[in-house]
Amino acid sequence: MSDTPQLLLVHHLKALKLPTFLREYDKLAQQCAAEGVDHPRYLLRLAELELIERQRRMVERRIKEARFPTVKSLDSFDFPAIPSSTRHWSWSSLAASTLRAERT
């Protein structure tokens, strides 16, 4: 059997800049074949993988470009360290701004 279709597929996926498709298509094809998944669902899974990976890289790139000294999240925030009056104000402000944003 000729490897030409597979070589062309690799070339086209590189040209279209679909690195996750390129990395995952064969493994996912075997998995979907074993599960009896149809072609549209196979392509959907590949597209979802590509989308998730692009979003992950986009977030990483934006954090890097922002040049934050450290990456922080609400999980690591020390809420007991702030005074209760400030804490109340902060959450009230957050709730109010969220409501305003939802109305517009």
N, C-alpha and C. Protein backbone atom coordinates (compact mmCIF):
# COMPACT_ATOMS: atom_id res chain seq x y z
N MET A 1 0.84 -1.19 0.00
CA MET A 1 0.00 0.00 0.00
C MET A 1 0.88 1.25 0.00
N SER A 2 0.47 2.23 -0.73
CA SER A 2 1.25 3.45 -0.88
C SER A 2 1.05 4.38 0.32
N ASP A 3 2.12 5.07 0.70
CA ASP A 3 2.06 6.04 1.78
C ASP A 3 1.69 7.43 1.28
N THR A 4 1.43 7.55 -0.03
CA THR A 4 1.17 8.86 -0.62
C THR A 4 0.02 9.61 0.05
N PRO A 5 -1.16 8.99 0.28
CA PRO A 5 -2.23 9.75 0.94
C PRO A 5 -1.84 10.24 2.33
N GLN A 6 -1.13 9.42 3.07
CA GLN A 6 -0.73 9.84 4.42
C GLN A 6 0.29 10.97 4.36
N LEU A 7 1.23 10.90 3.40
CA LEU A 7 2.20 11.98 3.23
C LEU A 7 1.52 13.28 2.83
N LEU A 8 0.54 13.17 1.93
CA LEU A 8 -0.21 14.36 1.52
C LEU A 8 -1.00 14.94 2.69
N LEU A 9 -1.60 14.07 3.49
CA LEU A 9 -2.36 14.54 4.65
C LEU A 9 -1.44 15.29 5.61
N VAL A 10 -0.28 14.74 5.89
CA VAL A 10 0.68 15.40 6.77
C VAL A 10 1.06 16.76 6.20
N HIS A 11 1.34 16.80 4.91
CA HIS A 11 1.70 18.07 4.26
C HIS A 11 0.57 19.09 4.37
N HIS A 12 -0.67 18.66 4.08
CA HIS A 12 -1.81 19.59 4.11
C HIS A 12 -2.09 20.09 5.54
N LEU A 13 -1.99 19.20 6.51
CA LEU A 13 -2.23 19.62 7.90
C LEU A 13 -1.17 20.62 8.36
N LYS A 14 0.06 20.44 7.92
CA LYS A 14 1.11 21.41 8.25
C LYS A 14 0.83 22.74 7.55
N ALA A 15 0.43 22.68 6.29
CA ALA A 15 0.15 23.90 5.53
C ALA A 15 -1.03 24.66 6.13
N LEU A 16 -2.02 23.93 6.63
CA LEU A 16 -3.19 24.55 7.24
C LEU A 16 -2.96 24.95 8.69
N LYS A 17 -1.77 24.65 9.20
CA LYS A 17 -1.40 24.96 10.58
C LYS A 17 -2.39 24.36 11.58
N LEU A 18 -2.53 23.04 11.47
CA LEU A 18 -3.38 22.27 12.38
C LEU A 18 -2.53 21.25 13.13
N PRO A 19 -1.69 21.71 14.05
CA PRO A 19 -0.74 20.81 14.71
C PRO A 19 -1.40 19.72 15.55
N THR A 20 -2.53 20.04 16.17
CA THR A 20 -3.20 19.03 16.99
C THR A 20 -3.82 17.96 16.11
N PHE A 21 -4.41 18.35 14.98
CA PHE A 21 -4.90 17.36 14.02
C PHE A 21 -3.76 16.44 13.62
N LEU A 22 -2.63 17.02 13.27
CA LEU A 22 -1.48 16.26 12.81
C LEU A 22 -1.00 15.29 13.88
N ARG A 23 -0.95 15.74 15.11
CA ARG A 23 -0.44 14.90 16.20
C ARG A 23 -1.43 13.82 16.62
N GLU A 24 -2.73 14.10 16.53
CA GLU A 24 -3.74 13.21 17.11
C GLU A 24 -4.57 12.40 16.12
N TYR A 25 -4.53 12.70 14.83
CA TYR A 25 -5.50 12.10 13.91
C TYR A 25 -5.40 10.58 13.85
N ASP A 26 -4.20 10.04 13.83
CA ASP A 26 -4.04 8.59 13.69
C ASP A 26 -4.48 7.86 14.96
N LYS A 27 -4.04 8.36 16.11
CA LYS A 27 -4.41 7.74 17.38
C LYS A 27 -5.92 7.82 17.60
N LEU A 28 -6.51 8.97 17.30
CA LEU A 28 -7.94 9.14 17.48
C LEU A 28 -8.73 8.31 16.47
N ALA A 29 -8.20 8.16 15.27
CA ALA A 29 -8.88 7.32 14.27
C ALA A 29 -8.96 5.88 14.75
N GLN A 30 -7.89 5.38 15.30
CA GLN A 30 -7.89 4.00 15.82
C GLN A 30 -8.87 3.88 16.99
N GLN A 31 -8.87 4.85 17.87
CA GLN A 31 -9.78 4.83 19.02
C GLN A 31 -11.23 4.88 18.57
N CYS A 32 -11.54 5.75 17.62
CA CYS A 32 -12.91 5.88 17.12
C CYS A 32 -13.35 4.62 16.37
N ALA A 33 -12.43 4.02 15.63
CA ALA A 33 -12.76 2.78 14.92
C ALA A 33 -13.10 1.68 15.92
N ALA A 34 -12.34 1.61 17.00
CA ALA A 34 -12.60 0.59 18.02
C ALA A 34 -13.94 0.82 18.72
N GLU A 35 -14.33 2.09 18.85
CA GLU A 35 -15.59 2.44 19.51
C GLU A 35 -16.77 2.47 18.55
N GLY A 36 -16.51 2.33 17.25
CA GLY A 36 -17.57 2.38 16.26
C GLY A 36 -18.12 3.77 16.02
N VAL A 37 -17.28 4.79 16.21
CA VAL A 37 -17.68 6.18 16.04
C VAL A 37 -17.70 6.52 14.55
N ASP A 38 -18.74 7.25 14.11
CA ASP A 38 -18.84 7.60 12.69
C ASP A 38 -17.90 8.76 12.34
N HIS A 39 -17.76 9.03 11.04
CA HIS A 39 -16.81 10.04 10.56
C HIS A 39 -17.09 11.45 11.09
N PRO A 40 -18.35 11.90 11.07
CA PRO A 40 -18.58 13.25 11.59
C PRO A 40 -18.17 13.41 13.06
N ARG A 41 -18.45 12.41 13.86
CA ARG A 41 -18.06 12.49 15.28
C ARG A 41 -16.55 12.41 15.45
N TYR A 42 -15.88 11.65 14.60
CA TYR A 42 -14.42 11.59 14.61
C TYR A 42 -13.85 12.98 14.31
N LEU A 43 -14.37 13.61 13.27
CA LEU A 43 -13.91 14.96 12.91
C LEU A 43 -14.26 15.97 14.00
N LEU A 44 -15.41 15.80 14.62
CA LEU A 44 -15.80 16.68 15.73
C LEU A 44 -14.81 16.56 16.88
N ARG A 45 -14.43 15.35 17.23
CA ARG A 45 -13.45 15.16 18.30
C ARG A 45 -12.11 15.80 17.95
N LEU A 46 -11.68 15.62 16.70
CA LEU A 46 -10.42 16.23 16.28
C LEU A 46 -10.50 17.76 16.35
N ALA A 47 -11.61 18.30 15.87
CA ALA A 47 -11.78 19.76 15.89
C ALA A 47 -11.83 20.28 17.32
N GLU A 48 -12.48 19.55 18.22
CA GLU A 48 -12.52 19.96 19.62
C GLU A 48 -11.13 19.96 20.24
N LEU A 49 -10.34 18.93 19.94
CA LEU A 49 -8.97 18.88 20.45
C LEU A 49 -8.16 20.06 19.95
N GLU A 50 -8.30 20.38 18.67
CA GLU A 50 -7.58 21.51 18.08
C GLU A 50 -8.00 22.81 18.75
N LEU A 51 -9.30 22.99 18.94
CA LEU A 51 -9.81 24.21 19.55
C LEU A 51 -9.32 24.36 20.99
N ILE A 52 -9.39 23.30 21.77
CA ILE A 52 -8.94 23.34 23.16
C ILE A 52 -7.45 23.69 23.23
N GLU A 53 -6.66 23.08 22.37
CA GLU A 53 -5.22 23.34 22.36
C GLU A 53 -4.93 24.78 21.95
N ARG A 54 -5.65 25.30 20.97
CA ARG A 54 -5.43 26.68 20.54
C ARG A 54 -5.80 27.66 21.66
N GLN A 55 -6.90 27.39 22.35
CA GLN A 55 -7.30 28.26 23.44
C GLN A 55 -6.26 28.22 24.56
N ARG A 56 -5.74 27.05 24.88
CA ARG A 56 -4.72 26.92 25.91
C ARG A 56 -3.46 27.71 25.54
N ARG A 57 -3.03 27.57 24.28
CA ARG A 57 -1.84 28.29 23.83
C ARG A 57 -2.08 29.80 23.81
N MET A 58 -3.31 30.22 23.47
CA MET A 58 -3.63 31.64 23.44
C MET A 58 -3.52 32.24 24.84
N VAL A 59 -4.05 31.55 25.84
CA VAL A 59 -3.96 32.03 27.22
C VAL A 59 -2.51 32.09 27.66
N GLU A 60 -1.75 31.05 27.38
CA GLU A 60 -0.32 31.05 27.73
C GLU A 60 0.41 32.21 27.07
N ARG A 61 0.12 32.44 25.78
CA ARG A 61 0.79 33.51 25.05
C ARG A 61 0.44 34.88 25.63
N ARG A 62 -0.83 35.08 25.97
CA ARG A 62 -1.25 36.38 26.51
C ARG A 62 -0.65 36.63 27.89
N ILE A 63 -0.58 35.60 28.70
CA ILE A 63 0.04 35.75 30.02
C ILE A 63 1.52 36.09 29.86
N LYS A 64 2.18 35.42 28.93
CA LYS A 64 3.60 35.68 28.70
C LYS A 64 3.81 37.11 28.17
N GLU A 65 2.96 37.54 27.23
CA GLU A 65 3.08 38.88 26.67
C GLU A 65 2.79 39.97 27.70
N ALA A 66 1.93 39.67 28.67
CA ALA A 66 1.60 40.65 29.71
C ALA A 66 2.76 40.85 30.67
N ARG A 67 3.67 39.91 30.70
CA ARG A 67 4.85 39.97 31.57
C ARG A 67 4.49 40.15 33.04
N PHE A 68 3.49 39.41 33.47
CA PHE A 68 3.14 39.42 34.89
C PHE A 68 4.30 38.82 35.68
N PRO A 69 4.55 39.36 36.88
CA PRO A 69 5.65 38.79 37.67
C PRO A 69 5.37 37.34 38.07
N THR A 70 4.13 37.04 38.43
CA THR A 70 3.72 35.66 38.72
C THR A 70 2.27 35.50 38.30
N VAL A 71 1.91 34.31 37.96
CA VAL A 71 0.53 34.03 37.59
C VAL A 71 -0.24 33.74 38.86
N LYS A 72 -1.36 34.44 39.04
CA LYS A 72 -2.17 34.28 40.25
C LYS A 72 -3.60 33.95 39.85
N SER A 73 -4.28 33.28 40.76
CA SER A 73 -5.70 32.98 40.55
C SER A 73 -6.43 33.20 41.87
N LEU A 74 -7.74 33.19 41.84
CA LEU A 74 -8.52 33.36 43.07
C LEU A 74 -8.27 32.21 44.04
N ASP A 75 -7.90 31.04 43.52
CA ASP A 75 -7.62 29.90 44.39
C ASP A 75 -6.46 30.19 45.35
N SER A 76 -5.51 30.99 44.91
CA SER A 76 -4.34 31.26 45.74
C SER A 76 -4.46 32.55 46.56
N PHE A 77 -5.59 33.26 46.42
CA PHE A 77 -5.77 34.53 47.13
C PHE A 77 -6.04 34.26 48.61
N ASP A 78 -5.40 35.04 49.48
CA ASP A 78 -5.54 34.88 50.92
C ASP A 78 -6.65 35.81 51.42
N PHE A 79 -7.91 35.37 51.35
CA PHE A 79 -9.05 36.19 51.75
C PHE A 79 -9.03 36.57 53.23
N PRO A 80 -8.63 35.68 54.15
CA PRO A 80 -8.60 36.09 55.57
C PRO A 80 -7.61 37.22 55.85
N ALA A 81 -6.66 37.47 54.97
CA ALA A 81 -5.66 38.50 55.21
C ALA A 81 -6.21 39.91 55.03
N ILE A 82 -7.34 40.07 54.35
CA ILE A 82 -7.88 41.41 54.16
C ILE A 82 -8.95 41.69 55.21
N PRO A 83 -9.11 42.96 55.64
CA PRO A 83 -10.13 43.29 56.63
C PRO A 83 -11.53 42.96 56.12
N SER A 84 -12.43 42.62 57.03
CA SER A 84 -13.78 42.20 56.62
C SER A 84 -14.53 43.31 55.90
N SER A 85 -14.34 44.58 56.29
CA SER A 85 -15.05 45.67 55.62
C SER A 85 -14.58 45.80 54.18
N THR A 86 -13.30 45.65 53.94
CA THR A 86 -12.76 45.70 52.58
C THR A 86 -13.25 44.50 51.79
N ARG A 87 -13.26 43.34 52.44
CA ARG A 87 -13.70 42.11 51.77
C ARG A 87 -15.15 42.28 51.32
N HIS A 88 -15.99 42.82 52.21
CA HIS A 88 -17.40 43.04 51.87
C HIS A 88 -17.51 43.98 50.68
N TRP A 89 -16.76 45.08 50.72
CA TRP A 89 -16.79 46.05 49.63
C TRP A 89 -16.34 45.41 48.32
N SER A 90 -15.29 44.60 48.38
CA SER A 90 -14.76 43.99 47.17
C SER A 90 -15.79 43.08 46.52
N TRP A 91 -16.43 42.24 47.33
CA TRP A 91 -17.43 41.32 46.77
C TRP A 91 -18.66 42.08 46.30
N SER A 92 -19.05 43.14 47.03
CA SER A 92 -20.19 43.95 46.60
C SER A 92 -19.89 44.63 45.27
N SER A 93 -18.69 45.16 45.13
CA SER A 93 -18.29 45.81 43.88
C SER A 93 -18.28 44.82 42.73
N LEU A 94 -17.76 43.64 43.00
CA LEU A 94 -17.71 42.60 41.97
C LEU A 94 -19.12 42.21 41.54
N ALA A 95 -20.02 42.03 42.50
CA ALA A 95 -21.40 41.66 42.18
C ALA A 95 -22.09 42.76 41.38
N ALA A 96 -21.89 44.01 41.80
CA ALA A 96 -22.52 45.13 41.11
C ALA A 96 -22.00 45.26 39.68
N SER A 97 -20.71 45.15 39.50
CA SER A 97 -20.15 45.28 38.15
C SER A 97 -20.59 44.12 37.27
N THR A 98 -20.74 42.94 37.86
CA THR A 98 -21.22 41.79 37.09
C THR A 98 -22.65 42.01 36.63
N LEU A 99 -23.50 42.55 37.52
CA LEU A 99 -24.89 42.83 37.16
C LEU A 99 -24.96 43.88 36.06
N ARG A 100 -24.15 44.93 36.18
CA ARG A 100 -24.15 45.98 35.15
C ARG A 100 -23.73 45.39 33.81
N ALA A 101 -22.73 44.53 33.81
CA ALA A 101 -22.25 43.93 32.56
C ALA A 101 -23.30 43.04 31.94
N GLU A 102 -24.08 42.34 32.75
CA GLU A 102 -25.11 41.44 32.23
C GLU A 102 -26.28 42.22 31.62
N ARG A 103 -26.54 43.42 32.13
CA ARG A 103 -27.65 44.22 31.61
C ARG A 103 -27.35 44.83 30.26
N THR A 104 -26.08 45.05 29.96
CA THR A 104 -25.73 45.72 28.70
C THR A 104 -25.60 44.75 27.58
